[in-house]
PDB file of N, CA and C in Angstrom:
ATOM      1  N   UNK A   1     -11.679  11.380 -54.823  1.00  0.00           N
ATOM      2  CA  UNK A   1     -11.074  11.979 -53.724  1.00  0.00           C
ATOM      3  C   UNK A   1     -12.038  12.156 -52.497  1.00  0.00           C
ATOM      4  N   UNK A   2     -13.423  12.313 -52.602  1.00  0.00           N
ATOM      5  CA  UNK A   2     -14.442  12.302 -51.713  1.00  0.00           C
ATOM      6  C   UNK A   2     -14.366  10.919 -50.909  1.00  0.00           C
ATOM      7  N   UNK A   3     -14.139   9.804 -51.412  1.00  0.00           N
ATOM      8  CA  UNK A   3     -14.052   8.592 -50.825  1.00  0.00           C
ATOM      9  C   UNK A   3     -12.846   8.539 -49.759  1.00  0.00           C
ATOM     10  N   UNK A   4     -11.709   9.110 -50.128  1.00  0.00           N
ATOM     11  CA  UNK A   4     -10.665   9.119 -49.229  1.00  0.00           C
ATOM     12  C   UNK A   4     -11.034  10.143 -48.069  1.00  0.00           C
ATOM     13  N   UNK A   5     -11.661  11.030 -48.292  1.00  0.00           N
ATOM     14  CA  UNK A   5     -12.106  12.015 -47.057  1.00  0.00           C
ATOM     15  C   UNK A   5     -13.168  11.395 -46.179  1.00  0.00           C
ATOM     16  N   UNK A   6     -13.934  10.560 -46.707  1.00  0.00           N
ATOM     17  CA  UNK A   6     -15.013  10.011 -45.914  1.00  0.00           C
ATOM     18  C   UNK A   6     -14.336   8.825 -45.279  1.00  0.00           C
ATOM     19  N   UNK A   7     -13.252   8.057 -45.760  1.00  0.00           N
ATOM     20  CA  UNK A   7     -12.715   7.136 -45.076  1.00  0.00           C
ATOM     21  C   UNK A   7     -11.818   7.652 -44.035  1.00  0.00           C
ATOM     22  N   UNK A   8     -11.122   8.744 -44.167  1.00  0.00           N
ATOM     23  CA  UNK A   8     -10.235   9.489 -42.982  1.00  0.00           C
ATOM     24  C   UNK A   8     -11.187   9.815 -41.939  1.00  0.00           C
ATOM     25  N   UNK A   9     -12.300  10.333 -42.383  1.00  0.00           N
ATOM     26  CA  UNK A   9     -13.380  10.874 -41.316  1.00  0.00           C
ATOM     27  C   UNK A   9     -13.846   9.670 -40.518  1.00  0.00           C
ATOM     28  N   UNK A  10     -14.007   8.567 -41.247  1.00  0.00           N
ATOM     29  CA  UNK A  10     -14.640   7.313 -40.487  1.00  0.00           C
ATOM     30  C   UNK A  10     -13.477   6.834 -39.608  1.00  0.00           C
ATOM     31  N   UNK A  11     -12.096   6.778 -40.024  1.00  0.00           N
ATOM     32  CA  UNK A  11     -11.101   6.601 -39.101  1.00  0.00           C
ATOM     33  C   UNK A  11     -10.920   7.305 -38.057  1.00  0.00           C
ATOM     34  N   UNK A  12     -11.052   8.456 -38.150  1.00  0.00           N
ATOM     35  CA  UNK A  12     -10.904   9.488 -36.993  1.00  0.00           C
ATOM     36  C   UNK A  12     -12.064   9.385 -36.000  1.00  0.00           C
ATOM     37  N   UNK A  13     -13.272   9.046 -36.516  1.00  0.00           N
ATOM     38  CA  UNK A  13     -14.365   8.851 -35.808  1.00  0.00           C
ATOM     39  C   UNK A  13     -14.250   7.490 -34.899  1.00  0.00           C
ATOM     40  N   UNK A  14     -13.883   6.531 -35.572  1.00  0.00           N
ATOM     41  CA  UNK A  14     -13.571   5.133 -34.928  1.00  0.00           C
ATOM     42  C   UNK A  14     -12.563   5.376 -33.771  1.00  0.00           C
ATOM     43  N   UNK A  15     -11.351   6.085 -34.103  1.00  0.00           N
ATOM     44  CA  UNK A  15     -10.261   6.323 -33.097  1.00  0.00           C
ATOM     45  C   UNK A  15     -10.855   7.123 -31.900  1.00  0.00           C
ATOM     46  N   UNK A  16     -11.629   7.958 -32.203  1.00  0.00           N
ATOM     47  CA  UNK A  16     -12.324   8.878 -31.059  1.00  0.00           C
ATOM     48  C   UNK A  16     -13.277   8.021 -30.127  1.00  0.00           C
ATOM     49  N   UNK A  17     -14.153   7.131 -30.875  1.00  0.00           N
ATOM     50  CA  UNK A  17     -14.925   6.043 -30.149  1.00  0.00           C
ATOM     51  C   UNK A  17     -14.015   5.132 -29.283  1.00  0.00           C
ATOM     52  N   UNK A  18     -13.029   4.715 -29.964  1.00  0.00           N
ATOM     53  CA  UNK A  18     -11.988   3.855 -29.256  1.00  0.00           C
ATOM     54  C   UNK A  18     -11.387   4.389 -28.074  1.00  0.00           C
ATOM     55  N   UNK A  19     -11.044   5.708 -28.021  1.00  0.00           N
ATOM     56  CA  UNK A  19     -10.453   6.441 -27.010  1.00  0.00           C
ATOM     57  C   UNK A  19     -11.430   6.679 -25.860  1.00  0.00           C
ATOM     58  N   UNK A  20     -12.614   6.999 -26.194  1.00  0.00           N
ATOM     59  CA  UNK A  20     -13.742   7.405 -25.134  1.00  0.00           C
ATOM     60  C   UNK A  20     -13.934   6.068 -24.496  1.00  0.00           C
ATOM     61  N   UNK A  21     -14.002   4.879 -25.343  1.00  0.00           N
ATOM     62  CA  UNK A  21     -14.326   3.688 -24.730  1.00  0.00           C
ATOM     63  C   UNK A  21     -13.360   3.138 -23.779  1.00  0.00           C
ATOM     64  N   UNK A  22     -11.923   3.253 -23.955  1.00  0.00           N
ATOM     65  CA  UNK A  22     -10.852   2.973 -23.347  1.00  0.00           C
ATOM     66  C   UNK A  22     -10.820   3.810 -22.134  1.00  0.00           C
ATOM     67  N   UNK A  23     -11.001   5.079 -22.156  1.00  0.00           N
ATOM     68  CA  UNK A  23     -11.108   5.902 -20.877  1.00  0.00           C
ATOM     69  C   UNK A  23     -12.094   5.406 -19.922  1.00  0.00           C
ATOM     70  N   UNK A  24     -13.420   5.189 -20.392  1.00  0.00           N
ATOM     71  CA  UNK A  24     -14.448   4.611 -19.687  1.00  0.00           C
ATOM     72  C   UNK A  24     -14.164   3.420 -18.950  1.00  0.00           C
ATOM     73  N   UNK A  25     -13.645   2.390 -19.794  1.00  0.00           N
ATOM     74  CA  UNK A  25     -13.201   1.134 -19.271  1.00  0.00           C
ATOM     75  C   UNK A  25     -12.173   1.400 -18.235  1.00  0.00           C
ATOM     76  N   UNK A  26     -11.302   2.259 -18.273  1.00  0.00           N
ATOM     77  CA  UNK A  26     -10.096   2.528 -17.224  1.00  0.00           C
ATOM     78  C   UNK A  26     -10.865   3.057 -15.922  1.00  0.00           C
ATOM     79  N   UNK A  27     -11.932   3.802 -16.172  1.00  0.00           N
ATOM     80  CA  UNK A  27     -12.474   4.608 -15.116  1.00  0.00           C
ATOM     81  C   UNK A  27     -13.277   3.390 -14.302  1.00  0.00           C
ATOM     82  N   UNK A  28     -13.853   2.640 -15.116  1.00  0.00           N
ATOM     83  CA  UNK A  28     -14.662   1.451 -14.402  1.00  0.00           C
ATOM     84  C   UNK A  28     -13.857   0.463 -13.584  1.00  0.00           C
ATOM     85  N   UNK A  29     -12.844   0.186 -14.185  1.00  0.00           N
ATOM     86  CA  UNK A  29     -11.764  -0.644 -13.756  1.00  0.00           C
ATOM     87  C   UNK A  29     -11.231   0.015 -12.463  1.00  0.00           C
ATOM     88  N   UNK A  30     -10.839   1.055 -12.337  1.00  0.00           N
ATOM     89  CA  UNK A  30     -10.386   1.750 -11.220  1.00  0.00           C
ATOM     90  C   UNK A  30     -11.635   1.767 -10.153  1.00  0.00           C
ATOM     91  N   UNK A  31     -12.733   2.036 -10.441  1.00  0.00           N
ATOM     92  CA  UNK A  31     -13.781   2.085  -9.391  1.00  0.00           C
ATOM     93  C   UNK A  31     -13.822   0.630  -8.943  1.00  0.00           C
ATOM     94  N   UNK A  32     -13.902  -0.416  -9.849  1.00  0.00           N
ATOM     95  CA  UNK A  32     -14.048  -1.827  -9.321  1.00  0.00           C
ATOM     96  C   UNK A  32     -12.980  -2.106  -8.317  1.00  0.00           C
ATOM     97  N   UNK A  33     -11.621  -1.852  -8.551  1.00  0.00           N
ATOM     98  CA  UNK A  33     -10.728  -2.051  -7.687  1.00  0.00           C
ATOM     99  C   UNK A  33     -10.735  -1.360  -6.394  1.00  0.00           C
ATOM    100  N   UNK A  34     -11.030  -0.171  -6.372  1.00  0.00           N
ATOM    101  CA  UNK A  34     -11.212   0.705  -5.323  1.00  0.00           C
ATOM    102  C   UNK A  34     -12.295   0.190  -4.330  1.00  0.00           C
ATOM    103  N   UNK A  35     -13.570  -0.163  -4.994  1.00  0.00           N
ATOM    104  CA  UNK A  35     -14.472  -0.805  -4.199  1.00  0.00           C
ATOM    105  C   UNK A  35     -14.139  -2.122  -3.723  1.00  0.00           C
ATOM    106  N   UNK A  36     -13.365  -3.045  -4.351  1.00  0.00           N
ATOM    107  CA  UNK A  36     -12.922  -4.199  -3.769  1.00  0.00           C
ATOM    108  C   UNK A  36     -12.038  -4.100  -2.542  1.00  0.00           C
ATOM    109  N   UNK A  37     -11.074  -3.083  -2.786  1.00  0.00           N
ATOM    110  CA  UNK A  37     -10.193  -3.082  -1.595  1.00  0.00           C
ATOM    111  C   UNK A  37     -10.895  -2.324  -0.353  1.00  0.00           C
ATOM    112  N   UNK A  38     -11.799  -1.434  -0.589  1.00  0.00           N
ATOM    113  CA  UNK A  38     -12.430  -0.705   0.459  1.00  0.00           C
ATOM    114  C   UNK A  38     -13.354  -1.732   1.191  1.00  0.00           C
ATOM    115  N   UNK A  39     -14.148  -2.396   0.486  1.00  0.00           N
ATOM    116  CA  UNK A  39     -15.089  -3.462   1.078  1.00  0.00           C
ATOM    117  C   UNK A  39     -14.105  -4.476   1.735  1.00  0.00           C
ATOM    118  N   UNK A  40     -13.111  -4.964   1.271  1.00  0.00           N
ATOM    119  CA  UNK A  40     -12.287  -5.925   2.032  1.00  0.00           C
ATOM    120  C   UNK A  40     -11.703  -5.352   3.520  1.00  0.00           C
ATOM    121  N   UNK A  41     -11.314  -3.980   3.247  1.00  0.00           N
ATOM    122  CA  UNK A  41     -10.745  -3.300   4.461  1.00  0.00           C
ATOM    123  C   UNK A  41     -11.799  -3.085   5.512  1.00  0.00           C
ATOM    124  N   UNK A  42     -13.082  -2.706   5.002  1.00  0.00           N
ATOM    125  CA  UNK A  42     -14.187  -2.365   5.919  1.00  0.00           C
ATOM    126  C   UNK A  42     -14.607  -3.673   6.721  1.00  0.00           C
ATOM    127  N   UNK A  43     -14.827  -4.716   5.952  1.00  0.00           N
ATOM    128  CA  UNK A  43     -15.148  -6.019   6.594  1.00  0.00           C
ATOM    129  C   UNK A  43     -14.039  -6.341   7.569  1.00  0.00           C
ATOM    130  N   UNK A  44     -12.790  -6.227   7.162  1.00  0.00           N
ATOM    131  CA  UNK A  44     -11.820  -6.497   8.335  1.00  0.00           C
ATOM    132  C   UNK A  44     -11.914  -5.786   9.612  1.00  0.00           C
ATOM    133  N   UNK A  45     -12.041  -4.423   9.203  1.00  0.00           N
ATOM    134  CA  UNK A  45     -12.105  -3.498  10.318  1.00  0.00           C
ATOM    135  C   UNK A  45     -13.346  -3.718  11.203  1.00  0.00           C
ATOM    136  N   UNK A  46     -14.446  -4.183  10.749  1.00  0.00           N
ATOM    137  CA  UNK A  46     -15.529  -4.642  11.357  1.00  0.00           C
ATOM    138  C   UNK A  46     -15.305  -5.844  12.414  1.00  0.00           C
ATOM    139  N   UNK A  47     -14.708  -6.841  11.872  1.00  0.00           N
ATOM    140  CA  UNK A  47     -14.314  -8.014  12.533  1.00  0.00           C
ATOM    141  C   UNK A  47     -13.467  -7.595  13.641  1.00  0.00           C
ATOM    142  N   UNK A  48     -12.297  -6.763  13.315  1.00  0.00           N
ATOM    143  CA  UNK A  48     -11.342  -6.325  14.208  1.00  0.00           C
ATOM    144  C   UNK A  48     -11.991  -5.408  15.419  1.00  0.00           C
ATOM    145  N   UNK A  49     -13.035  -4.799  15.100  1.00  0.00           N
ATOM    146  CA  UNK A  49     -13.801  -4.096  16.103  1.00  0.00           C
ATOM    147  C   UNK A  49     -14.448  -4.988  17.057  1.00  0.00           C
ATOM    148  N   UNK A  50     -15.296  -5.916  16.627  1.00  0.00           N
ATOM    149  CA  UNK A  50     -15.911  -6.841  17.371  1.00  0.00           C
ATOM    150  C   UNK A  50     -14.643  -7.744  18.284  1.00  0.00           C
ATOM    151  N   UNK A  51     -13.774  -7.952  17.783  1.00  0.00           N
ATOM    152  CA  UNK A  51     -12.844  -8.832  18.511  1.00  0.00           C
ATOM    153  C   UNK A  51     -12.193  -7.790  19.536  1.00  0.00           C
ATOM    154  N   UNK A  52     -12.023  -6.496  19.267  1.00  0.00           N
ATOM    155  CA  UNK A  52     -11.459  -5.719  20.227  1.00  0.00           C
ATOM    156  C   UNK A  52     -12.206  -5.512  21.501  1.00  0.00           C
ATOM    157  N   UNK A  53     -13.555  -5.460  21.167  1.00  0.00           N
ATOM    158  CA  UNK A  53     -14.504  -5.387  22.273  1.00  0.00           C
ATOM    159  C   UNK A  53     -14.462  -6.658  23.067  1.00  0.00           C
ATOM    160  N   UNK A  54     -14.418  -7.737  22.355  1.00  0.00           N
ATOM    161  CA  UNK A  54     -14.221  -8.999  23.197  1.00  0.00           C
ATOM    162  C   UNK A  54     -13.016  -8.947  23.994  1.00  0.00           C
ATOM    163  N   UNK A  55     -11.948  -8.594  23.545  1.00  0.00           N
ATOM    164  CA  UNK A  55     -10.625  -8.559  24.178  1.00  0.00           C
ATOM    165  C   UNK A  55     -10.744  -7.625  25.365  1.00  0.00           C
ATOM    166  N   UNK A  56     -11.338  -6.368  25.108  1.00  0.00           N
ATOM    167  CA  UNK A  56     -11.518  -5.489  26.181  1.00  0.00           C
ATOM    168  C   UNK A  56     -12.108  -5.969  27.375  1.00  0.00           C
ATOM    169  N   UNK A  57     -13.271  -6.552  27.117  1.00  0.00           N
ATOM    170  CA  UNK A  57     -14.113  -7.148  28.229  1.00  0.00           C
ATOM    171  C   UNK A  57     -13.234  -8.180  28.860  1.00  0.00           C
ATOM    172  N   UNK A  58     -12.707  -9.193  28.162  1.00  0.00           N
ATOM    173  CA  UNK A  58     -11.767 -10.143  28.743  1.00  0.00           C
ATOM    174  C   UNK A  58     -10.746  -9.641  29.595  1.00  0.00           C
ATOM    175  N   UNK A  59     -10.026  -8.651  29.242  1.00  0.00           N
ATOM    176  CA  UNK A  59      -9.086  -8.012  29.782  1.00  0.00           C
ATOM    177  C   UNK A  59      -9.486  -7.400  31.337  1.00  0.00           C
ATOM    178  N   UNK A  60     -10.561  -6.839  31.299  1.00  0.00           N
ATOM    179  CA  UNK A  60     -11.201  -6.247  32.467  1.00  0.00           C
ATOM    180  C   UNK A  60     -11.354  -7.420  33.546  1.00  0.00           C
ATOM    181  N   UNK A  61     -12.032  -8.406  33.004  1.00  0.00           N
ATOM    182  CA  UNK A  61     -12.253  -9.640  33.915  1.00  0.00           C
ATOM    183  C   UNK A  61     -10.788 -10.225  34.378  1.00  0.00           C
ATOM    184  N   UNK A  62      -9.744 -10.318  33.493  1.00  0.00           N
ATOM    185  CA  UNK A  62      -8.709 -10.923  33.827  1.00  0.00           C
ATOM    186  C   UNK A  62      -7.983  -9.901  34.881  1.00  0.00           C
ATOM    187  N   UNK A  63      -8.217  -8.663  34.718  1.00  0.00           N
ATOM    188  CA  UNK A  63      -7.427  -7.745  35.608  1.00  0.00           C
ATOM    189  C   UNK A  63      -8.107  -8.065  37.032  1.00  0.00           C
ATOM    190  N   UNK A  64      -9.363  -8.033  36.997  1.00  0.00           N
ATOM    191  CA  UNK A  64     -10.007  -8.191  38.325  1.00  0.00           C
ATOM    192  C   UNK A  64      -9.623  -9.445  38.980  1.00  0.00           C
ATOM    193  N   UNK A  65      -9.621 -10.534  38.219  1.00  0.00           N
ATOM    194  CA  UNK A  65      -9.226 -11.869  38.716  1.00  0.00           C
ATOM    195  C   UNK A  65      -7.800 -11.787  39.280  1.00  0.00           C
ATOM    196  N   UNK A  66      -6.834 -11.294  38.555  1.00  0.00           N
ATOM    197  CA  UNK A  66      -5.680 -11.273  39.030  1.00  0.00           C
ATOM    198  C   UNK A  66      -5.282 -10.374  40.165  1.00  0.00           C
ATOM    199  N   UNK A  67      -6.188  -9.346  40.257  1.00  0.00           N
ATOM    200  CA  UNK A  67      -6.299  -8.308  41.374  1.00  0.00           C
ATOM    201  C   UNK A  67      -6.527  -9.074  42.604  1.00  0.00           C
ATOM    202  N   UNK A  68      -7.751  -9.863  42.586  1.00  0.00           N
ATOM    203  CA  UNK A  68      -8.052 -10.658  43.688  1.00  0.00           C
ATOM    204  C   UNK A  68      -7.144 -11.791  44.054  1.00  0.00           C
ATOM    205  N   UNK A  69      -6.324 -12.371  43.216  1.00  0.00           N
ATOM    206  CA  UNK A  69      -5.379 -13.440  43.476  1.00  0.00           C
ATOM    207  C   UNK A  69      -4.197 -12.777  44.155  1.00  0.00           C
ATOM    208  N   UNK A  70      -3.636 -11.592  43.797  1.00  0.00           N
ATOM    209  CA  UNK A  70      -2.635 -10.881  44.470  1.00  0.00           C
ATOM    210  C   UNK A  70      -2.978 -10.016  45.666  1.00  0.00           C
ATOM    211  N   UNK A  71      -4.262  -9.779  45.974  1.00  0.00           N
ATOM    212  CA  UNK A  71      -4.705  -9.093  47.207  1.00  0.00           C
ATOM    213  C   UNK A  71      -5.362  -7.661  47.021  1.00  0.00           C
ATOM    214  N   UNK A  72      -4.862  -7.103  46.126  1.00  0.00           N
ATOM    215  CA  UNK A  72      -5.308  -5.643  45.745  1.00  0.00           C
ATOM    216  C   UNK A  72      -5.828  -5.601  44.313  1.00  0.00           C
ATOM    217  N   UNK A  73      -7.047  -5.008  44.084  1.00  0.00           N
ATOM    218  CA  UNK A  73      -7.657  -5.103  42.829  1.00  0.00           C
ATOM    219  C   UNK A  73      -6.987  -4.300  41.651  1.00  0.00           C
ATOM    220  N   UNK A  74      -6.401  -3.158  42.206  1.00  0.00           N
ATOM    221  CA  UNK A  74      -5.744  -2.314  41.200  1.00  0.00           C
ATOM    222  C   UNK A  74      -4.390  -3.050  40.799  1.00  0.00           C
ATOM    223  N   UNK A  75      -3.684  -3.864  41.614  1.00  0.00           N
ATOM    224  CA  UNK A  75      -2.425  -4.562  41.016  1.00  0.00           C
ATOM    225  C   UNK A  75      -2.827  -5.405  39.835  1.00  0.00           C
ATOM    226  N   UNK A  76      -3.945  -6.006  39.738  1.00  0.00           N
ATOM    227  CA  UNK A  76      -4.307  -6.814  38.556  1.00  0.00           C
ATOM    228  C   UNK A  76      -4.247  -5.812  37.336  1.00  0.00           C
ATOM    229  N   UNK A  77      -4.901  -4.757  37.402  1.00  0.00           N
ATOM    230  CA  UNK A  77      -4.801  -3.821  36.317  1.00  0.00           C
ATOM    231  C   UNK A  77      -3.415  -3.406  36.058  1.00  0.00           C
ATOM    232  N   UNK A  78      -2.492  -3.196  36.985  1.00  0.00           N
ATOM    233  CA  UNK A  78      -1.077  -2.816  36.630  1.00  0.00           C
ATOM    234  C   UNK A  78      -0.537  -3.914  36.037  1.00  0.00           C
ATOM    235  N   UNK A  79      -0.716  -5.146  36.485  1.00  0.00           N
ATOM    236  CA  UNK A  79      -0.043  -6.239  35.834  1.00  0.00           C
ATOM    237  C   UNK A  79      -0.379  -6.340  34.350  1.00  0.00           C
ATOM    238  N   UNK A  80      -1.754  -6.523  34.078  1.00  0.00           N
ATOM    239  CA  UNK A  80      -2.273  -6.390  32.661  1.00  0.00           C
ATOM    240  C   UNK A  80      -1.853  -5.291  31.770  1.00  0.00           C
ATOM    241  N   UNK A  81      -1.863  -4.264  32.276  1.00  0.00           N
ATOM    242  CA  UNK A  81      -1.302  -2.991  31.593  1.00  0.00           C
ATOM    243  C   UNK A  81       0.135  -3.082  31.291  1.00  0.00           C
ATOM    244  N   UNK A  82       0.919  -3.631  32.285  1.00  0.00           N
ATOM    245  CA  UNK A  82       2.524  -3.902  31.979  1.00  0.00           C
ATOM    246  C   UNK A  82       2.571  -4.802  30.792  1.00  0.00           C
ATOM    247  N   UNK A  83       1.648  -5.887  30.953  1.00  0.00           N
ATOM    248  CA  UNK A  83       1.873  -6.994  29.823  1.00  0.00           C
ATOM    249  C   UNK A  83       1.387  -6.295  28.496  1.00  0.00           C
ATOM    250  N   UNK A  84       0.612  -5.189  28.379  1.00  0.00           N
ATOM    251  CA  UNK A  84       0.215  -4.668  27.107  1.00  0.00           C
ATOM    252  C   UNK A  84       1.245  -3.588  26.725  1.00  0.00           C
ATOM    253  N   UNK A  85       1.965  -3.011  27.734  1.00  0.00           N
ATOM    254  CA  UNK A  85       3.184  -2.121  27.458  1.00  0.00           C
ATOM    255  C   UNK A  85       4.299  -2.945  26.731  1.00  0.00           C
ATOM    256  N   UNK A  86       4.469  -4.137  27.361  1.00  0.00           N
ATOM    257  CA  UNK A  86       5.460  -5.133  26.747  1.00  0.00           C
ATOM    258  C   UNK A  86       5.288  -5.480  25.284  1.00  0.00           C
ATOM    259  N   UNK A  87       3.905  -5.890  24.997  1.00  0.00           N
ATOM    260  CA  UNK A  87       3.451  -6.144  23.720  1.00  0.00           C
ATOM    261  C   UNK A  87       3.489  -4.848  22.678  1.00  0.00           C
ATOM    262  N   UNK A  88       3.244  -3.597  23.145  1.00  0.00           N
ATOM    263  CA  UNK A  88       3.296  -2.454  22.392  1.00  0.00           C
ATOM    264  C   UNK A  88       4.713  -2.210  22.121  1.00  0.00           C
ATOM    265  N   UNK A  89       5.615  -2.378  22.968  1.00  0.00           N
ATOM    266  CA  UNK A  89       7.111  -2.262  22.652  1.00  0.00           C
ATOM    267  C   UNK A  89       7.544  -3.282  21.519  1.00  0.00           C
ATOM    268  N   UNK A  90       7.159  -4.484  21.715  1.00  0.00           N
ATOM    269  CA  UNK A  90       7.684  -5.466  20.681  1.00  0.00           C
ATOM    270  C   UNK A  90       6.791  -5.124  19.357  1.00  0.00           C
ATOM    271  N   UNK A  91       5.786  -4.718  19.185  1.00  0.00           N
ATOM    272  CA  UNK A  91       4.888  -4.452  18.146  1.00  0.00           C
ATOM    273  C   UNK A  91       5.749  -3.157  17.426  1.00  0.00           C
ATOM    274  N   UNK A  92       6.175  -2.113  18.206  1.00  0.00           N
ATOM    275  CA  UNK A  92       6.761  -1.151  17.735  1.00  0.00           C
ATOM    276  C   UNK A  92       8.140  -1.427  17.130  1.00  0.00           C
ATOM    277  N   UNK A  93       8.941  -2.445  17.585  1.00  0.00           N
ATOM    278  CA  UNK A  93      10.032  -2.828  17.105  1.00  0.00           C
ATOM    279  C   UNK A  93       9.812  -3.589  15.847  1.00  0.00           C
ATOM    280  N   UNK A  94       8.854  -4.395  15.760  1.00  0.00           N
ATOM    281  CA  UNK A  94       8.681  -5.230  14.514  1.00  0.00           C
ATOM    282  C   UNK A  94       7.407  -4.662  13.638  1.00  0.00           C
ATOM    283  N   UNK A  95       7.125  -3.440  13.804  1.00  0.00           N
ATOM    284  CA  UNK A  95       5.838  -2.971  12.973  1.00  0.00           C
ATOM    285  C   UNK A  95       5.984  -3.079  11.709  1.00  0.00           C
ATOM    286  N   UNK A  96       7.157  -2.805  10.867  1.00  0.00           N
ATOM    287  CA  UNK A  96       7.347  -2.960   9.483  1.00  0.00           C
ATOM    288  C   UNK A  96       7.058  -4.294   8.952  1.00  0.00           C
ATOM    289  N   UNK A  97       7.655  -5.366   9.707  1.00  0.00           N
ATOM    290  CA  UNK A  97       7.609  -6.953   9.250  1.00  0.00           C
ATOM    291  C   UNK A  97       6.235  -7.213   9.652  1.00  0.00           C
ATOM    292  N   UNK A  98       5.502  -7.035  10.623  1.00  0.00           N
ATOM    293  CA  UNK A  98       4.328  -7.638  11.187  1.00  0.00           C
ATOM    294  C   UNK A  98       2.998  -6.891  10.761  1.00  0.00           C
ATOM    295  N   UNK A  99       3.218  -5.473  10.389  1.00  0.00           N
ATOM    296  CA  UNK A  99       2.055  -4.725  10.219  1.00  0.00           C
ATOM    297  C   UNK A  99       1.966  -4.257   8.815  1.00  0.00           C
ATOM    298  N   UNK A 100       3.061  -3.269   8.566  1.00  0.00           N
ATOM    299  CA  UNK A 100       3.131  -2.505   7.244  1.00  0.00           C
ATOM    300  C   UNK A 100       3.226  -3.546   6.024  1.00  0.00           C
ATOM    301  N   UNK A 101       4.158  -4.446   5.959  1.00  0.00           N
ATOM    302  CA  UNK A 101       4.211  -5.253   4.898  1.00  0.00           C
ATOM    303  C   UNK A 101       3.226  -6.031   4.508  1.00  0.00           C
ATOM    304  N   UNK A 102       2.588  -6.857   5.527  1.00  0.00           N
ATOM    305  CA  UNK A 102       1.351  -7.562   5.345  1.00  0.00           C
ATOM    306  C   UNK A 102       0.120  -6.752   4.613  1.00  0.00           C
ATOM    307  N   UNK A 103      -0.018  -5.498   5.286  1.00  0.00           N
ATOM    308  CA  UNK A 103      -1.152  -4.640   4.589  1.00  0.00           C
ATOM    309  C   UNK A 103      -0.811  -4.105   3.293  1.00  0.00           C
ATOM    310  N   UNK A 104       0.450  -3.757   3.182  1.00  0.00           N
ATOM    311  CA  UNK A 104       0.950  -3.490   1.771  1.00  0.00           C
ATOM    312  C   UNK A 104       0.762  -4.366   0.799  1.00  0.00           C
ATOM    313  N   UNK A 105       1.019  -5.596   1.219  1.00  0.00           N
ATOM    314  CA  UNK A 105       0.993  -6.856   0.261  1.00  0.00           C
ATOM    315  C   UNK A 105      -0.483  -7.167  -0.090  1.00  0.00           C
ATOM    316  N   UNK A 106      -1.459  -7.033   0.899  1.00  0.00           N
ATOM    317  CA  UNK A 106      -2.765  -7.286   0.777  1.00  0.00           C
ATOM    318  C   UNK A 106      -3.346  -6.255  -0.208  1.00  0.00           C
ATOM    319  N   UNK A 107      -3.046  -5.040  -0.025  1.00  0.00           N
ATOM    320  CA  UNK A 107      -3.335  -3.929  -1.057  1.00  0.00           C
ATOM    321  C   UNK A 107      -3.072  -4.270  -2.323  1.00  0.00           C
ATOM    322  N   UNK A 108      -1.661  -4.584  -2.520  1.00  0.00           N
ATOM    323  CA  UNK A 108      -1.186  -4.874  -3.807  1.00  0.00           C
ATOM    324  C   UNK A 108      -1.925  -5.944  -4.469  1.00  0.00           C
ATOM    325  N   UNK A 109      -2.070  -7.091  -3.836  1.00  0.00           N
ATOM    326  CA  UNK A 109      -2.728  -8.398  -4.513  1.00  0.00           C
ATOM    327  C   UNK A 109      -4.163  -8.036  -4.631  1.00  0.00           C
ATOM    328  N   UNK A 110      -4.939  -7.213  -3.986  1.00  0.00           N
ATOM    329  CA  UNK A 110      -6.236  -6.843  -4.210  1.00  0.00           C
ATOM    330  C   UNK A 110      -6.395  -6.005  -5.498  1.00  0.00           C
ATOM    331  N   UNK A 111      -5.343  -5.098  -5.640  1.00  0.00           N
ATOM    332  CA  UNK A 111      -5.361  -4.091  -6.786  1.00  0.00           C
ATOM    333  C   UNK A 111      -5.073  -4.965  -8.056  1.00  0.00           C
ATOM    334  N   UNK A 112      -3.996  -5.735  -8.052  1.00  0.00           N
ATOM    335  CA  UNK A 112      -3.545  -6.469  -9.201  1.00  0.00           C
ATOM    336  C   UNK A 112      -4.287  -7.742  -9.538  1.00  0.00           C
ATOM    337  N   UNK A 113      -5.273  -8.161  -8.681  1.00  0.00           N
ATOM    338  CA  UNK A 113      -6.098  -9.424  -8.968  1.00  0.00           C
ATOM    339  C   UNK A 113      -6.868  -9.203 -10.226  1.00  0.00           C
ATOM    340  N   UNK A 114      -6.789 -10.288 -11.042  1.00  0.00           N
ATOM    341  CA  UNK A 114      -7.580 -10.373 -12.194  1.00  0.00           C
ATOM    342  C   UNK A 114      -8.850 -11.010 -11.955  1.00  0.00           C
ATOM    343  N   UNK A 115     -10.016 -10.357 -12.459  1.00  0.00           N
ATOM    344  CA  UNK A 115     -11.459 -11.023 -12.220  1.00  0.00           C
ATOM    345  C   UNK A 115     -11.676 -11.693 -13.551  1.00  0.00           C
TER     346      UNK A 115
END
């Protein structure tokens, strides 16, 4: 009878160890995926920030150049800002297709990626 009791105790102990190990593995897997997604997003954000600064300076130069061509400096800024208003309207119309879906798909692929 004592043999059965020790076998059941060992079985419960192993089940407890298995459960603890499984929970720990799930935590580590979640941390790994979160770190992978965040590092990818932060690196893309850094590249986007540098590109935005480049684009900002190019736009100032382009506005001044167009302003000199049309005769008044501020006309160049109005023309460039009108172009960006048009781009903003187009982006607003197609935001789900061009922005939301690619970002969602990127995050899903990163989260489900097998290592």
